[in-house]
C-alpha atoms as a PDB file:
ATOM      1  CA  MET A   1      11.623 129.243 143.964  1.00  0.00           C
ATOM      2  CA  SER A   2      10.102 132.467 144.739  1.00  0.00           C
ATOM      3  CA  GLU A   3       6.843 133.618 142.880  1.00  0.00           C
ATOM      4  CA  LEU A   4       7.109 136.459 140.241  1.00  0.00           C
ATOM      5  CA  LYS A   5       5.472 139.905 141.254  1.00  0.00           C
ATOM      6  CA  SER A   6       2.218 140.422 140.099  1.00  0.00           C
ATOM      7  CA  TYR A   7       2.899 143.239 137.788  1.00  0.00           C
ATOM      8  CA  LEU A   8       5.641 141.262 136.045  1.00  0.00           C
ATOM      9  CA  LYS A   9       3.140 138.591 135.299  1.00  0.00           C
ATOM     10  CA  ILE A  10       0.684 141.161 133.887  1.00  0.00           C
ATOM     11  CA  LYS A  11       3.502 142.608 131.780  1.00  0.00           C
ATOM     12  CA  SER A  12       4.408 139.195 130.645  1.00  0.00           C
ATOM     13  CA  ALA A  13       0.754 138.402 129.722  1.00  0.00           C
ATOM     14  CA  ILE A  14       0.473 141.581 127.774  1.00  0.00           C
ATOM     15  CA  ARG A  15       3.592 140.746 125.668  1.00  0.00           C
ATOM     16  CA  ALA A  16       2.458 137.234 125.076  1.00  0.00           C
ATOM     17  CA  SER A  17      -1.036 138.641 123.845  1.00  0.00           C
ATOM     18  CA  SER A  18       0.729 141.134 121.603  1.00  0.00           C
ATOM     19  CA  ALA A  19       2.905 138.316 120.252  1.00  0.00           C
ATOM     20  CA  ASN A  20      -0.233 136.176 119.424  1.00  0.00           C
ATOM     21  CA  ASP A  21      -2.236 139.101 117.921  1.00  0.00           C
ATOM     22  CA  LYS A  22      -4.426 139.491 120.883  1.00  0.00           C
ATOM     23  CA  ILE A  23      -5.445 142.746 122.628  1.00  0.00           C
ATOM     24  CA  ALA A  24      -4.939 142.803 126.406  1.00  0.00           C
ATOM     25  CA  THR A  25      -6.033 145.619 128.638  1.00  0.00           C
ATOM     26  CA  ILE A  26      -5.690 146.063 132.315  1.00  0.00           C
ATOM     27  CA  VAL A  27      -9.333 146.540 133.535  1.00  0.00           C
ATOM     28  CA  HIS A  28      -7.984 147.068 137.310  1.00  0.00           C
ATOM     29  CA  LYS A  29      -4.586 147.481 138.847  1.00  0.00           C
ATOM     30  CA  GLY A  30      -3.883 145.631 141.882  1.00  0.00           C
ATOM     31  CA  ASP A  31      -1.030 145.440 144.413  1.00  0.00           C
ATOM     32  CA  LYS A  32       2.122 145.428 142.503  1.00  0.00           C
ATOM     33  CA  ASP A  33       3.952 142.604 144.476  1.00  0.00           C
ATOM     34  CA  ASN A  34       1.343 140.171 145.543  1.00  0.00           C
ATOM     35  CA  GLY A  35      -2.165 141.008 144.041  1.00  0.00           C
ATOM     36  CA  SER A  36      -4.243 138.067 142.828  1.00  0.00           C
ATOM     37  CA  ILE A  37      -4.842 138.229 139.097  1.00  0.00           C
ATOM     38  CA  LEU A  38      -8.129 137.431 137.305  1.00  0.00           C
ATOM     39  CA  ILE A  39      -8.068 136.946 133.485  1.00  0.00           C
ATOM     40  CA  LYS A  40     -11.283 137.747 131.695  1.00  0.00           C
ATOM     41  CA  LEU A  41     -11.393 136.191 128.250  1.00  0.00           C
ATOM     42  CA  ARG A  42     -13.908 138.098 125.845  1.00  0.00           C
ATOM     43  CA  ARG A  43     -14.940 137.071 122.487  1.00  0.00           C
ATOM     44  CA  ASN A  44     -16.377 139.501 119.769  1.00  0.00           C
ATOM     45  CA  ASP A  45     -20.080 138.046 120.499  1.00  0.00           C
ATOM     46  CA  SER A  46     -19.930 139.392 123.971  1.00  0.00           C
ATOM     47  CA  MET A  47     -19.382 135.994 125.576  1.00  0.00           C
ATOM     48  CA  SER A  48     -16.813 135.790 128.113  1.00  0.00           C
ATOM     49  CA  CYS A  49     -15.024 133.541 130.768  1.00  0.00           C
ATOM     50  CA  LEU A  50     -13.359 134.465 134.033  1.00  0.00           C
ATOM     51  CA  LEU A  51     -10.072 132.470 134.945  1.00  0.00           C
ATOM     52  CA  GLY A  52      -8.385 132.695 138.504  1.00  0.00           C
ATOM     53  CA  LYS A  53      -5.826 130.707 140.468  1.00  0.00           C
ATOM     54  CA  SER A  54      -7.388 128.140 142.859  1.00  0.00           C
ATOM     55  CA  LEU A  55      -5.869 125.572 145.066  1.00  0.00           C
ATOM     56  CA  THR A  56      -6.459 121.973 144.104  1.00  0.00           C
ATOM     57  CA  HIS A  57      -7.029 118.873 146.218  1.00  0.00           C
ATOM     58  CA  GLU A  58      -3.266 117.797 145.564  1.00  0.00           C
ATOM     59  CA  GLY A  59      -2.162 121.290 147.157  1.00  0.00           C
ATOM     60  CA  ASN A  60      -1.156 122.940 143.864  1.00  0.00           C
ATOM     61  CA  TYR A  61      -2.423 126.145 142.266  1.00  0.00           C
ATOM     62  CA  LYS A  62      -4.160 125.810 138.968  1.00  0.00           C
ATOM     63  CA  TRP A  63      -5.960 128.170 136.636  1.00  0.00           C
ATOM     64  CA  ALA A  64      -9.649 127.444 136.431  1.00  0.00           C
ATOM     65  CA  SER A  65     -12.948 129.139 135.610  1.00  0.00           C
ATOM     66  CA  LEU A  66     -14.292 130.931 138.421  1.00  0.00           C
ATOM     67  CA  PHE A  67     -17.776 129.451 137.342  1.00  0.00           C
ATOM     68  CA  LYS A  68     -17.555 126.003 138.403  1.00  0.00           C
ATOM     69  CA  ASP A  69     -20.800 124.526 137.212  1.00  0.00           C
ATOM     70  CA  VAL A  70     -21.007 126.549 133.861  1.00  0.00           C
ATOM     71  CA  ASP A  71     -19.226 125.886 130.438  1.00  0.00           C
ATOM     72  CA  ASN A  72     -16.338 128.232 129.716  1.00  0.00           C
ATOM     73  CA  TRP A  73     -18.255 130.817 127.801  1.00  0.00           C
ATOM     74  CA  ILE A  74     -21.013 132.797 129.467  1.00  0.00           C
ATOM     75  CA  GLU A  75     -22.786 136.247 129.025  1.00  0.00           C
ATOM     76  CA  GLU A  76     -20.327 139.049 129.711  1.00  0.00           C
ATOM     77  CA  ASN A  77     -22.780 140.795 132.238  1.00  0.00           C
ATOM     78  CA  ILE A  78     -22.383 137.737 134.431  1.00  0.00           C
ATOM     79  CA  VAL A  79     -18.656 137.814 134.275  1.00  0.00           C
ATOM     80  CA  ASN A  80     -18.671 141.387 135.034  1.00  0.00           C
ATOM     81  CA  ASP A  81     -20.763 141.027 138.043  1.00  0.00           C
ATOM     82  CA  LYS A  82     -18.671 138.368 139.383  1.00  0.00           C
ATOM     83  CA  ILE A  83     -15.388 140.624 138.948  1.00  0.00           C
ATOM     84  CA  SER A  84     -17.243 143.575 140.971  1.00  0.00           C
ATOM     85  CA  LYS A  85     -17.881 141.047 143.972  1.00  0.00           C
ATOM     86  CA  GLU A  86     -14.271 139.728 143.661  1.00  0.00           C
ATOM     87  CA  ARG A  87     -12.990 143.362 143.612  1.00  0.00           C
ATOM     88  CA  ALA A  88     -15.322 144.292 146.605  1.00  0.00           C
ATOM     89  CA  ILE A  89     -13.619 141.509 148.674  1.00  0.00           C
ATOM     90  CA  ASP A  90      -9.869 141.939 147.362  1.00  0.00           C
ATOM     91  CA  PRO A  91      -9.024 145.604 146.461  1.00  0.00           C
ATOM     92  CA  ASP A  92      -5.550 144.486 145.553  1.00  0.00           C
ATOM     93  CA  LEU A  93      -6.868 142.250 142.888  1.00  0.00           C
ATOM     94  CA  TRP A  94      -5.566 142.748 139.213  1.00  0.00           C
ATOM     95  CA  VAL A  95      -8.115 142.091 136.243  1.00  0.00           C
ATOM     96  CA  LEU A  96      -6.661 141.605 132.795  1.00  0.00           C
ATOM     97  CA  GLU A  97      -9.119 141.323 129.671  1.00  0.00           C
ATOM     98  CA  LEU A  98      -8.149 139.743 126.691  1.00  0.00           C
ATOM     99  CA  GLU A  99     -10.013 139.779 123.381  1.00  0.00           C
ATOM    100  CA  THR A 100      -9.770 136.251 122.018  1.00  0.00           C
ATOM    101  CA  ASP A 101     -12.061 133.880 119.968  1.00  0.00           C
ATOM    102  CA  THR A 102     -10.192 131.087 121.625  1.00  0.00           C
ATOM    103  CA  PHE A 103      -9.882 129.643 125.254  1.00  0.00           C
ATOM    104  CA  TRP A 104      -6.163 130.987 125.863  1.00  0.00           C
ATOM    105  CA  ASN A 105      -4.481 131.994 129.189  1.00  0.00           C
ATOM    106  CA  PRO A 106      -1.008 133.592 128.673  1.00  0.00           C
ATOM    107  CA  LEU A 107      -0.252 132.963 132.445  1.00  0.00           C
ATOM    108  CA  GLU A 108      -1.093 129.219 132.225  1.00  0.00           C
ATOM    109  CA  GLU A 109       2.805 128.416 132.381  1.00  0.00           C
ATOM    110  CA  ILE A 110       3.711 131.206 134.907  1.00  0.00           C
END
């Protein structure tokens, strides 16, 4: 089975967010077809977390926090710095920000 194109995943995440009464904003547009996607979850108190897909020991891709040794919610400025570093490495990267008070990833099943 082939992987969905990145822009279709983003569109799907925006629709799912809207259906769940959450605001989704594209912070950075990446490559339409194969750009990696980061999801920034942002609470009203400016605490955030950053999710990306990574390879597990079993050889599967799984969504996980990009801050391995920290709890899910951290200061937003730290997350923003991490996003800037990731974009410097990969300019084809998509960044989607979701305003939510819960730990929720609309792309978990995709």
